[in-house]
Amino acid sequence: MMEETVIHNVITKLLITQSEVALKHLCCLLSTFGSTLDCDEQYLMDGYVHQMEEIITTKQISSHVSRLMQDIVALRKNYWFPLPADSNWNKTQQQ
């Protein structure tokens, strides 16, 4: 679909930019459209998540943005179903 192509282009540009603002926008975009994009083009989402994990591990970003990105990775691992607010799931996955 045309709309999905546009969203994929935006995601790619945000990941290339890697500024704090761009990565925050990326997290908002993926929290909204991630499940839809993951159904149709899973291999692309695999690449996005891999790039996000690399950004998180290189620690070139603030802890706030890192946490936002970790939440998106965890959301995807949970098949895009939100985790309960008091969940210890993220803490056990990071160890």
PDB file of N, CA and C in Angstrom:
ATOM      1  N   MET A   1       0.828  -1.185   0.000  1.00  0.00           N
ATOM      2  CA  MET A   1       0.000   0.000   0.000  1.00  0.00           C
ATOM      3  C   MET A   1       0.876   1.254   0.000  1.00  0.00           C
ATOM      4  N   MET A   2       0.338   2.288  -0.564  1.00  0.00           N
ATOM      5  CA  MET A   2       1.059   3.547  -0.655  1.00  0.00           C
ATOM      6  C   MET A   2       1.331   4.139   0.721  1.00  0.00           C
ATOM      7  N   GLU A   3       0.342   4.105   1.612  1.00  0.00           N
ATOM      8  CA  GLU A   3       0.508   4.684   2.941  1.00  0.00           C
ATOM      9  C   GLU A   3       1.623   3.977   3.707  1.00  0.00           C
ATOM     10  N   GLU A   4       1.670   2.665   3.593  1.00  0.00           N
ATOM     11  CA  GLU A   4       2.708   1.904   4.290  1.00  0.00           C
ATOM     12  C   GLU A   4       4.087   2.224   3.734  1.00  0.00           C
ATOM     13  N   THR A   5       4.183   2.441   2.449  1.00  0.00           N
ATOM     14  CA  THR A   5       5.457   2.810   1.845  1.00  0.00           C
ATOM     15  C   THR A   5       5.938   4.141   2.405  1.00  0.00           C
ATOM     16  N   VAL A   6       5.034   5.077   2.559  1.00  0.00           N
ATOM     17  CA  VAL A   6       5.387   6.382   3.118  1.00  0.00           C
ATOM     18  C   VAL A   6       5.856   6.221   4.556  1.00  0.00           C
ATOM     19  N   ILE A   7       5.147   5.417   5.341  1.00  0.00           N
ATOM     20  CA  ILE A   7       5.521   5.200   6.735  1.00  0.00           C
ATOM     21  C   ILE A   7       6.891   4.532   6.817  1.00  0.00           C
ATOM     22  N   HIS A   8       7.149   3.548   5.966  1.00  0.00           N
ATOM     23  CA  HIS A   8       8.460   2.889   5.961  1.00  0.00           C
ATOM     24  C   HIS A   8       9.562   3.889   5.610  1.00  0.00           C
ATOM     25  N   ASN A   9       9.301   4.776   4.672  1.00  0.00           N
ATOM     26  CA  ASN A   9      10.287   5.804   4.311  1.00  0.00           C
ATOM     27  C   ASN A   9      10.572   6.737   5.481  1.00  0.00           C
ATOM     28  N   VAL A  10       9.524   7.128   6.191  1.00  0.00           N
ATOM     29  CA  VAL A  10       9.688   8.009   7.352  1.00  0.00           C
ATOM     30  C   VAL A  10      10.492   7.297   8.437  1.00  0.00           C
ATOM     31  N   ILE A  11      10.171   6.040   8.711  1.00  0.00           N
ATOM     32  CA  ILE A  11      10.898   5.272   9.726  1.00  0.00           C
ATOM     33  C   ILE A  11      12.382   5.193   9.363  1.00  0.00           C
ATOM     34  N   THR A  12      12.666   4.917   8.110  1.00  0.00           N
ATOM     35  CA  THR A  12      14.056   4.823   7.657  1.00  0.00           C
ATOM     36  C   THR A  12      14.787   6.147   7.870  1.00  0.00           C
ATOM     37  N   LYS A  13      14.151   7.248   7.515  1.00  0.00           N
ATOM     38  CA  LYS A  13      14.775   8.569   7.684  1.00  0.00           C
ATOM     39  C   LYS A  13      14.992   8.890   9.162  1.00  0.00           C
ATOM     40  N   LEU A  14      14.040   8.533  10.007  1.00  0.00           N
ATOM     41  CA  LEU A  14      14.192   8.788  11.438  1.00  0.00           C
ATOM     42  C   LEU A  14      15.339   7.970  12.022  1.00  0.00           C
ATOM     43  N   LEU A  15      15.479   6.723  11.587  1.00  0.00           N
ATOM     44  CA  LEU A  15      16.567   5.880  12.081  1.00  0.00           C
ATOM     45  C   LEU A  15      17.931   6.376  11.589  1.00  0.00           C
ATOM     46  N   ILE A  16      17.974   6.921  10.392  1.00  0.00           N
ATOM     47  CA  ILE A  16      19.235   7.447   9.865  1.00  0.00           C
ATOM     48  C   ILE A  16      19.637   8.714  10.616  1.00  0.00           C
ATOM     49  N   THR A  17      18.657   9.571  10.897  1.00  0.00           N
ATOM     50  CA  THR A  17      18.934  10.838  11.572  1.00  0.00           C
ATOM     51  C   THR A  17      19.492  10.617  12.971  1.00  0.00           C
ATOM     52  N   GLN A  18      18.872   9.748  13.732  1.00  0.00           N
ATOM     53  CA  GLN A  18      19.278   9.370  15.084  1.00  0.00           C
ATOM     54  C   GLN A  18      19.403  10.533  16.060  1.00  0.00           C
ATOM     55  N   SER A  19      18.700  11.618  15.824  1.00  0.00           N
ATOM     56  CA  SER A  19      18.666  12.673  16.840  1.00  0.00           C
ATOM     57  C   SER A  19      17.653  12.270  17.907  1.00  0.00           C
ATOM     58  N   GLU A  20      17.746  12.895  19.058  1.00  0.00           N
ATOM     59  CA  GLU A  20      16.828  12.572  20.148  1.00  0.00           C
ATOM     60  C   GLU A  20      15.372  12.788  19.711  1.00  0.00           C
ATOM     61  N   VAL A  21      15.118  13.890  19.058  1.00  0.00           N
ATOM     62  CA  VAL A  21      13.752  14.211  18.622  1.00  0.00           C
ATOM     63  C   VAL A  21      13.276  13.199  17.586  1.00  0.00           C
ATOM     64  N   ALA A  22      14.136  12.861  16.633  1.00  0.00           N
ATOM     65  CA  ALA A  22      13.767  11.896  15.593  1.00  0.00           C
ATOM     66  C   ALA A  22      13.444  10.538  16.205  1.00  0.00           C
ATOM     67  N   LEU A  23      14.227  10.118  17.179  1.00  0.00           N
ATOM     68  CA  LEU A  23      13.998   8.809  17.798  1.00  0.00           C
ATOM     69  C   LEU A  23      12.728   8.804  18.651  1.00  0.00           C
ATOM     70  N   LYS A  24      12.409   9.938  19.274  1.00  0.00           N
ATOM     71  CA  LYS A  24      11.136  10.035  20.006  1.00  0.00           C
ATOM     72  C   LYS A  24       9.961   9.908  19.041  1.00  0.00           C
ATOM     73  N   HIS A  25      10.059  10.592  17.904  1.00  0.00           N
ATOM     74  CA  HIS A  25       9.011  10.493  16.884  1.00  0.00           C
ATOM     75  C   HIS A  25       8.905   9.069  16.348  1.00  0.00           C
ATOM     76  N   LEU A  26      10.040   8.417  16.181  1.00  0.00           N
ATOM     77  CA  LEU A  26      10.059   7.026  15.733  1.00  0.00           C
ATOM     78  C   LEU A  26       9.281   6.144  16.704  1.00  0.00           C
ATOM     79  N   CYS A  27       9.511   6.334  17.989  1.00  0.00           N
ATOM     80  CA  CYS A  27       8.809   5.529  18.996  1.00  0.00           C
ATOM     81  C   CYS A  27       7.302   5.774  18.953  1.00  0.00           C
ATOM     82  N   CYS A  28       6.909   7.026  18.789  1.00  0.00           N
ATOM     83  CA  CYS A  28       5.472   7.338  18.676  1.00  0.00           C
ATOM     84  C   CYS A  28       4.875   6.686  17.431  1.00  0.00           C
ATOM     85  N   LEU A  29       5.582   6.770  16.336  1.00  0.00           N
ATOM     86  CA  LEU A  29       5.111   6.192  15.084  1.00  0.00           C
ATOM     87  C   LEU A  29       4.971   4.675  15.191  1.00  0.00           C
ATOM     88  N   LEU A  30       5.970   4.028  15.771  1.00  0.00           N
ATOM     89  CA  LEU A  30       5.923   2.574  15.890  1.00  0.00           C
ATOM     90  C   LEU A  30       4.885   2.112  16.909  1.00  0.00           C
ATOM     91  N   SER A  31       4.673   2.883  17.960  1.00  0.00           N
ATOM     92  CA  SER A  31       3.643   2.479  18.916  1.00  0.00           C
ATOM     93  C   SER A  31       2.254   2.570  18.293  1.00  0.00           C
ATOM     94  N   THR A  32       2.104   3.438  17.305  1.00  0.00           N
ATOM     95  CA  THR A  32       0.813   3.591  16.629  1.00  0.00           C
ATOM     96  C   THR A  32       0.642   2.602  15.481  1.00  0.00           C
ATOM     97  N   PHE A  33       1.660   2.467  14.633  1.00  0.00           N
ATOM     98  CA  PHE A  33       1.526   1.677  13.405  1.00  0.00           C
ATOM     99  C   PHE A  33       2.333   0.388  13.389  1.00  0.00           C
ATOM    100  N   GLY A  34       3.072   0.117  14.447  1.00  0.00           N
ATOM    101  CA  GLY A  34       3.965  -1.037  14.461  1.00  0.00           C
ATOM    102  C   GLY A  34       3.278  -2.355  14.193  1.00  0.00           C
ATOM    103  N   SER A  35       2.132  -2.579  14.826  1.00  0.00           N
ATOM    104  CA  SER A  35       1.454  -3.865  14.648  1.00  0.00           C
ATOM    105  C   SER A  35       0.977  -4.046  13.210  1.00  0.00           C
ATOM    106  N   THR A  36       0.534  -2.984  12.593  1.00  0.00           N
ATOM    107  CA  THR A  36       0.085  -3.055  11.200  1.00  0.00           C
ATOM    108  C   THR A  36       1.259  -3.343  10.270  1.00  0.00           C
ATOM    109  N   LEU A  37       2.361  -2.642  10.480  1.00  0.00           N
ATOM    110  CA  LEU A  37       3.533  -2.828   9.632  1.00  0.00           C
ATOM    111  C   LEU A  37       4.154  -4.200   9.837  1.00  0.00           C
ATOM    112  N   ASP A  38       4.083  -4.701  11.060  1.00  0.00           N
ATOM    113  CA  ASP A  38       4.684  -5.990  11.375  1.00  0.00           C
ATOM    114  C   ASP A  38       3.933  -7.143  10.727  1.00  0.00           C
ATOM    115  N   CYS A  39       2.665  -6.974  10.472  1.00  0.00           N
ATOM    116  CA  CYS A  39       1.875  -8.030   9.831  1.00  0.00           C
ATOM    117  C   CYS A  39       2.242  -8.181   8.357  1.00  0.00           C
ATOM    118  N   ASP A  40       2.411  -7.062   7.690  1.00  0.00           N
ATOM    119  CA  ASP A  40       2.607  -7.094   6.244  1.00  0.00           C
ATOM    120  C   ASP A  40       4.063  -7.301   5.829  1.00  0.00           C
ATOM    121  N   GLU A  41       4.970  -6.626   6.488  1.00  0.00           N
ATOM    122  CA  GLU A  41       6.377  -6.663   6.081  1.00  0.00           C
ATOM    123  C   GLU A  41       7.249  -6.910   7.308  1.00  0.00           C
ATOM    124  N   GLN A  42       7.171  -8.117   7.817  1.00  0.00           N
ATOM    125  CA  GLN A  42       7.849  -8.454   9.060  1.00  0.00           C
ATOM    126  C   GLN A  42       9.369  -8.309   8.956  1.00  0.00           C
ATOM    127  N   TYR A  43       9.932  -8.625   7.811  1.00  0.00           N
ATOM    128  CA  TYR A  43      11.381  -8.527   7.659  1.00  0.00           C
ATOM    129  C   TYR A  43      11.868  -7.089   7.810  1.00  0.00           C
ATOM    130  N   LEU A  44      11.060  -6.120   7.374  1.00  0.00           N
ATOM    131  CA  LEU A  44      11.439  -4.721   7.554  1.00  0.00           C
ATOM    132  C   LEU A  44      11.408  -4.343   9.031  1.00  0.00           C
ATOM    133  N   MET A  45      10.382  -4.804   9.745  1.00  0.00           N
ATOM    134  CA  MET A  45      10.282  -4.510  11.173  1.00  0.00           C
ATOM    135  C   MET A  45      11.432  -5.159  11.932  1.00  0.00           C
ATOM    136  N   ASP A  46      11.855  -6.355  11.494  1.00  0.00           N
ATOM    137  CA  ASP A  46      13.023  -6.998  12.103  1.00  0.00           C
ATOM    138  C   ASP A  46      14.242  -6.073  12.002  1.00  0.00           C
ATOM    139  N   GLY A  47      14.417  -5.482  10.847  1.00  0.00           N
ATOM    140  CA  GLY A  47      15.540  -4.568  10.634  1.00  0.00           C
ATOM    141  C   GLY A  47      15.447  -3.324  11.492  1.00  0.00           C
ATOM    142  N   TYR A  48      14.253  -2.757  11.604  1.00  0.00           N
ATOM    143  CA  TYR A  48      14.065  -1.566  12.435  1.00  0.00           C
ATOM    144  C   TYR A  48      14.394  -1.867  13.889  1.00  0.00           C
ATOM    145  N   VAL A  49      13.887  -2.979  14.384  1.00  0.00           N
ATOM    146  CA  VAL A  49      14.116  -3.341  15.783  1.00  0.00           C
ATOM    147  C   VAL A  49      15.601  -3.626  16.017  1.00  0.00           C
ATOM    148  N   HIS A  50      16.248  -4.265  15.055  1.00  0.00           N
ATOM    149  CA  HIS A  50      17.679  -4.520  15.186  1.00  0.00           C
ATOM    150  C   HIS A  50      18.455  -3.204  15.267  1.00  0.00           C
ATOM    151  N   GLN A  51      18.113  -2.251  14.423  1.00  0.00           N
ATOM    152  CA  GLN A  51      18.774  -0.947  14.465  1.00  0.00           C
ATOM    153  C   GLN A  51      18.507  -0.243  15.795  1.00  0.00           C
ATOM    154  N   MET A  52      17.283  -0.342  16.299  1.00  0.00           N
ATOM    155  CA  MET A  52      16.959   0.272  17.575  1.00  0.00           C
ATOM    156  C   MET A  52      17.768  -0.363  18.702  1.00  0.00           C
ATOM    157  N   GLU A  53      17.909  -1.679  18.675  1.00  0.00           N
ATOM    158  CA  GLU A  53      18.699  -2.363  19.701  1.00  0.00           C
ATOM    159  C   GLU A  53      20.170  -1.937  19.645  1.00  0.00           C
ATOM    160  N   GLU A  54      20.692  -1.731  18.446  1.00  0.00           N
ATOM    161  CA  GLU A  54      22.073  -1.254  18.313  1.00  0.00           C
ATOM    162  C   GLU A  54      22.226   0.147  18.888  1.00  0.00           C
ATOM    163  N   ILE A  55      21.253   1.010  18.619  1.00  0.00           N
ATOM    164  CA  ILE A  55      21.297   2.372  19.144  1.00  0.00           C
ATOM    165  C   ILE A  55      21.244   2.340  20.674  1.00  0.00           C
ATOM    166  N   ILE A  56      20.397   1.479  21.216  1.00  0.00           N
ATOM    167  CA  ILE A  56      20.269   1.365  22.670  1.00  0.00           C
ATOM    168  C   ILE A  56      21.590   0.904  23.288  1.00  0.00           C
ATOM    169  N   THR A  57      22.216  -0.101  22.687  1.00  0.00           N
ATOM    170  CA  THR A  57      23.427  -0.672  23.284  1.00  0.00           C
ATOM    171  C   THR A  57      24.653   0.232  23.139  1.00  0.00           C
ATOM    172  N   THR A  58      24.697   1.071  22.115  1.00  0.00           N
ATOM    173  CA  THR A  58      25.842   1.970  21.968  1.00  0.00           C
ATOM    174  C   THR A  58      25.753   3.154  22.911  1.00  0.00           C
ATOM    175  N   LYS A  59      24.600   3.357  23.531  1.00  0.00           N
ATOM    176  CA  LYS A  59      24.394   4.400  24.540  1.00  0.00           C
ATOM    177  C   LYS A  59      24.746   5.798  24.023  1.00  0.00           C
ATOM    178  N   GLN A  60      24.387   6.075  22.785  1.00  0.00           N
ATOM    179  CA  GLN A  60      24.630   7.395  22.216  1.00  0.00           C
ATOM    180  C   GLN A  60      23.447   8.329  22.440  1.00  0.00           C
ATOM    181  N   ILE A  61      22.471   7.873  23.203  1.00  0.00           N
ATOM    182  CA  ILE A  61      21.251   8.641  23.414  1.00  0.00           C
ATOM    183  C   ILE A  61      20.985   8.765  24.909  1.00  0.00           C
ATOM    184  N   SER A  62      20.071   9.657  25.254  1.00  0.00           N
ATOM    185  CA  SER A  62      19.720   9.847  26.665  1.00  0.00           C
ATOM    186  C   SER A  62      18.998   8.618  27.202  1.00  0.00           C
ATOM    187  N   SER A  63      18.977   8.497  28.502  1.00  0.00           N
ATOM    188  CA  SER A  63      18.307   7.352  29.120  1.00  0.00           C
ATOM    189  C   SER A  63      16.802   7.383  28.857  1.00  0.00           C
ATOM    190  N   HIS A  64      16.236   8.580  28.730  1.00  0.00           N
ATOM    191  CA  HIS A  64      14.804   8.699  28.438  1.00  0.00           C
ATOM    192  C   HIS A  64      14.466   8.098  27.078  1.00  0.00           C
ATOM    193  N   VAL A  65      15.211   8.471  26.061  1.00  0.00           N
ATOM    194  CA  VAL A  65      14.958   7.960  24.714  1.00  0.00           C
ATOM    195  C   VAL A  65      15.292   6.470  24.653  1.00  0.00           C
ATOM    196  N   SER A  66      16.339   6.080  25.341  1.00  0.00           N
ATOM    197  CA  SER A  66      16.686   4.661  25.395  1.00  0.00           C
ATOM    198  C   SER A  66      15.530   3.854  25.982  1.00  0.00           C
ATOM    199  N   ARG A  67      14.924   4.366  27.027  1.00  0.00           N
ATOM    200  CA  ARG A  67      13.790   3.672  27.659  1.00  0.00           C
ATOM    201  C   ARG A  67      12.590   3.614  26.713  1.00  0.00           C
ATOM    202  N   LEU A  68      12.329   4.690  25.989  1.00  0.00           N
ATOM    203  CA  LEU A  68      11.232   4.681  25.010  1.00  0.00           C
ATOM    204  C   LEU A  68      11.466   3.592  23.958  1.00  0.00           C
ATOM    205  N   MET A  69      12.697   3.492  23.494  1.00  0.00           N
ATOM    206  CA  MET A  69      13.019   2.502  22.476  1.00  0.00           C
ATOM    207  C   MET A  69      12.940   1.084  23.042  1.00  0.00           C
ATOM    208  N   GLN A  70      13.378   0.904  24.282  1.00  0.00           N
ATOM    209  CA  GLN A  70      13.272  -0.403  24.926  1.00  0.00           C
ATOM    210  C   GLN A  70      11.807  -0.813  25.065  1.00  0.00           C
ATOM    211  N   ASP A  71      10.951   0.163  25.355  1.00  0.00           N
ATOM    212  CA  ASP A  71       9.517  -0.127  25.459  1.00  0.00           C
ATOM    213  C   ASP A  71       8.938  -0.599  24.121  1.00  0.00           C
ATOM    214  N   ILE A  72       9.387  -0.006  23.027  1.00  0.00           N
ATOM    215  CA  ILE A  72       8.910  -0.429  21.703  1.00  0.00           C
ATOM    216  C   ILE A  72       9.383  -1.846  21.405  1.00  0.00           C
ATOM    217  N   VAL A  73      10.639  -2.140  21.717  1.00  0.00           N
ATOM    218  CA  VAL A  73      11.169  -3.490  21.498  1.00  0.00           C
ATOM    219  C   VAL A  73      10.374  -4.499  22.329  1.00  0.00           C
ATOM    220  N   ALA A  74      10.097  -4.149  23.585  1.00  0.00           N
ATOM    221  CA  ALA A  74       9.320  -5.046  24.456  1.00  0.00           C
ATOM    222  C   ALA A  74       7.887  -5.200  23.953  1.00  0.00           C
ATOM    223  N   LEU A  75       7.312  -4.116  23.453  1.00  0.00           N
ATOM    224  CA  LEU A  75       5.957  -4.174  22.913  1.00  0.00           C
ATOM    225  C   LEU A  75       5.890  -5.141  21.737  1.00  0.00           C
ATOM    226  N   ARG A  76       6.885  -5.083  20.882  1.00  0.00           N
ATOM    227  CA  ARG A  76       6.909  -6.011  19.742  1.00  0.00           C
ATOM    228  C   ARG A  76       7.076  -7.454  20.198  1.00  0.00           C
ATOM    229  N   LYS A  77       7.950  -7.677  21.170  1.00  0.00           N
ATOM    230  CA  LYS A  77       8.142  -9.031  21.679  1.00  0.00           C
ATOM    231  C   LYS A  77       6.863  -9.583  22.297  1.00  0.00           C
ATOM    232  N   ASN A  78       5.995  -8.684  22.753  1.00  0.00           N
ATOM    233  CA  ASN A  78       4.716  -9.084  23.331  1.00  0.00           C
ATOM    234  C   ASN A  78       3.605  -9.049  22.268  1.00  0.00           C
ATOM    235  N   TYR A  79       3.994  -9.122  21.008  1.00  0.00           N
ATOM    236  CA  TYR A  79       3.057  -9.149  19.866  1.00  0.00           C
ATOM    237  C   TYR A  79       2.160  -7.920  19.839  1.00  0.00           C
ATOM    238  N   TRP A  80       2.728  -6.775  20.215  1.00  0.00           N
ATOM    239  CA  TRP A  80       2.086  -5.470  20.158  1.00  0.00           C
ATOM    240  C   TRP A  80       0.926  -5.318  21.144  1.00  0.00           C
ATOM    241  N   PHE A  81       0.858  -6.193  22.147  1.00  0.00           N
ATOM    242  CA  PHE A  81      -0.125  -6.017  23.216  1.00  0.00           C
ATOM    243  C   PHE A  81       0.560  -5.262  24.345  1.00  0.00           C
ATOM    244  N   PRO A  82      -0.049  -4.191  24.826  1.00  0.00           N
ATOM    245  CA  PRO A  82       0.586  -3.414  25.907  1.00  0.00           C
ATOM    246  C   PRO A  82       0.783  -4.265  27.152  1.00  0.00           C
ATOM    247  N   LEU A  83       1.883  -4.014  27.818  1.00  0.00           N
ATOM    248  CA  LEU A  83       2.180  -4.697  29.066  1.00  0.00           C
ATOM    249  C   LEU A  83       1.530  -3.935  30.218  1.00  0.00           C
ATOM    250  N   PRO A  84       1.147  -4.614  31.280  1.00  0.00           N
ATOM    251  CA  PRO A  84       0.614  -3.898  32.442  1.00  0.00           C
ATOM    252  C   PRO A  84       1.659  -2.924  32.991  1.00  0.00           C
ATOM    253  N   ALA A  85       1.207  -1.832  33.552  1.00  0.00           N
ATOM    254  CA  ALA A  85       2.116  -0.794  34.048  1.00  0.00           C
ATOM    255  C   ALA A  85       3.038  -1.310  35.143  1.00  0.00           C
ATOM    256  N   ASP A  86       2.571  -2.244  35.936  1.00  0.00           N
ATOM    257  CA  ASP A  86       3.390  -2.751  37.039  1.00  0.00           C
ATOM    258  C   ASP A  86       4.161  -4.016  36.668  1.00  0.00           C
ATOM    259  N   SER A  87       4.233  -4.313  35.401  1.00  0.00           N
ATOM    260  CA  SER A  87       4.882  -5.543  34.941  1.00  0.00           C
ATOM    261  C   SER A  87       6.388  -5.489  35.152  1.00  0.00           C
ATOM    262  N   ASN A  88       6.958  -6.597  35.547  1.00  0.00           N
ATOM    263  CA  ASN A  88       8.408  -6.731  35.662  1.00  0.00           C
ATOM    264  C   ASN A  88       8.993  -7.379  34.423  1.00  0.00           C
ATOM    265  N   TRP A  89       8.205  -7.490  33.365  1.00  0.00           N
ATOM    266  CA  TRP A  89       8.624  -8.181  32.152  1.00  0.00           C
ATOM    267  C   TRP A  89       9.889  -7.575  31.570  1.00  0.00           C
ATOM    268  N   ASN A  90       9.927  -6.225  31.437  1.00  0.00           N
ATOM    269  CA  ASN A  90      11.095  -5.571  30.867  1.00  0.00           C
ATOM    270  C   ASN A  90      12.340  -5.819  31.698  1.00  0.00           C
ATOM    271  N   LYS A  91      12.205  -5.786  33.004  1.00  0.00           N
ATOM    272  CA  LYS A  91      13.368  -5.957  33.866  1.00  0.00           C
ATOM    273  C   LYS A  91      13.955  -7.355  33.718  1.00  0.00           C
ATOM    274  N   THR A  92      13.111  -8.365  33.596  1.00  0.00           N
ATOM    275  CA  THR A  92      13.628  -9.720  33.462  1.00  0.00           C
ATOM    276  C   THR A  92      14.217  -9.945  32.083  1.00  0.00           C
ATOM    277  N   GLN A  93      13.701  -9.280  31.057  1.00  0.00           N
ATOM    278  CA  GLN A  93      14.217  -9.431  29.698  1.00  0.00           C
ATOM    279  C   GLN A  93      15.582  -8.773  29.532  1.00  0.00           C
ATOM    280  N   GLN A  94      15.873  -7.740  30.333  1.00  0.00           N
ATOM    281  CA  GLN A  94      17.127  -7.012  30.185  1.00  0.00           C
ATOM    282  C   GLN A  94      18.278  -7.700  30.916  1.00  0.00           C
ATOM    283  N   GLN A  95      17.989  -8.619  31.810  1.00  0.00           N
ATOM    284  CA  GLN A  95      19.041  -9.272  32.594  1.00  0.00           C
ATOM    285  C   GLN A  95      19.685 -10.390  31.830  1.00  0.00           C
TER     286      GLN A  95
END
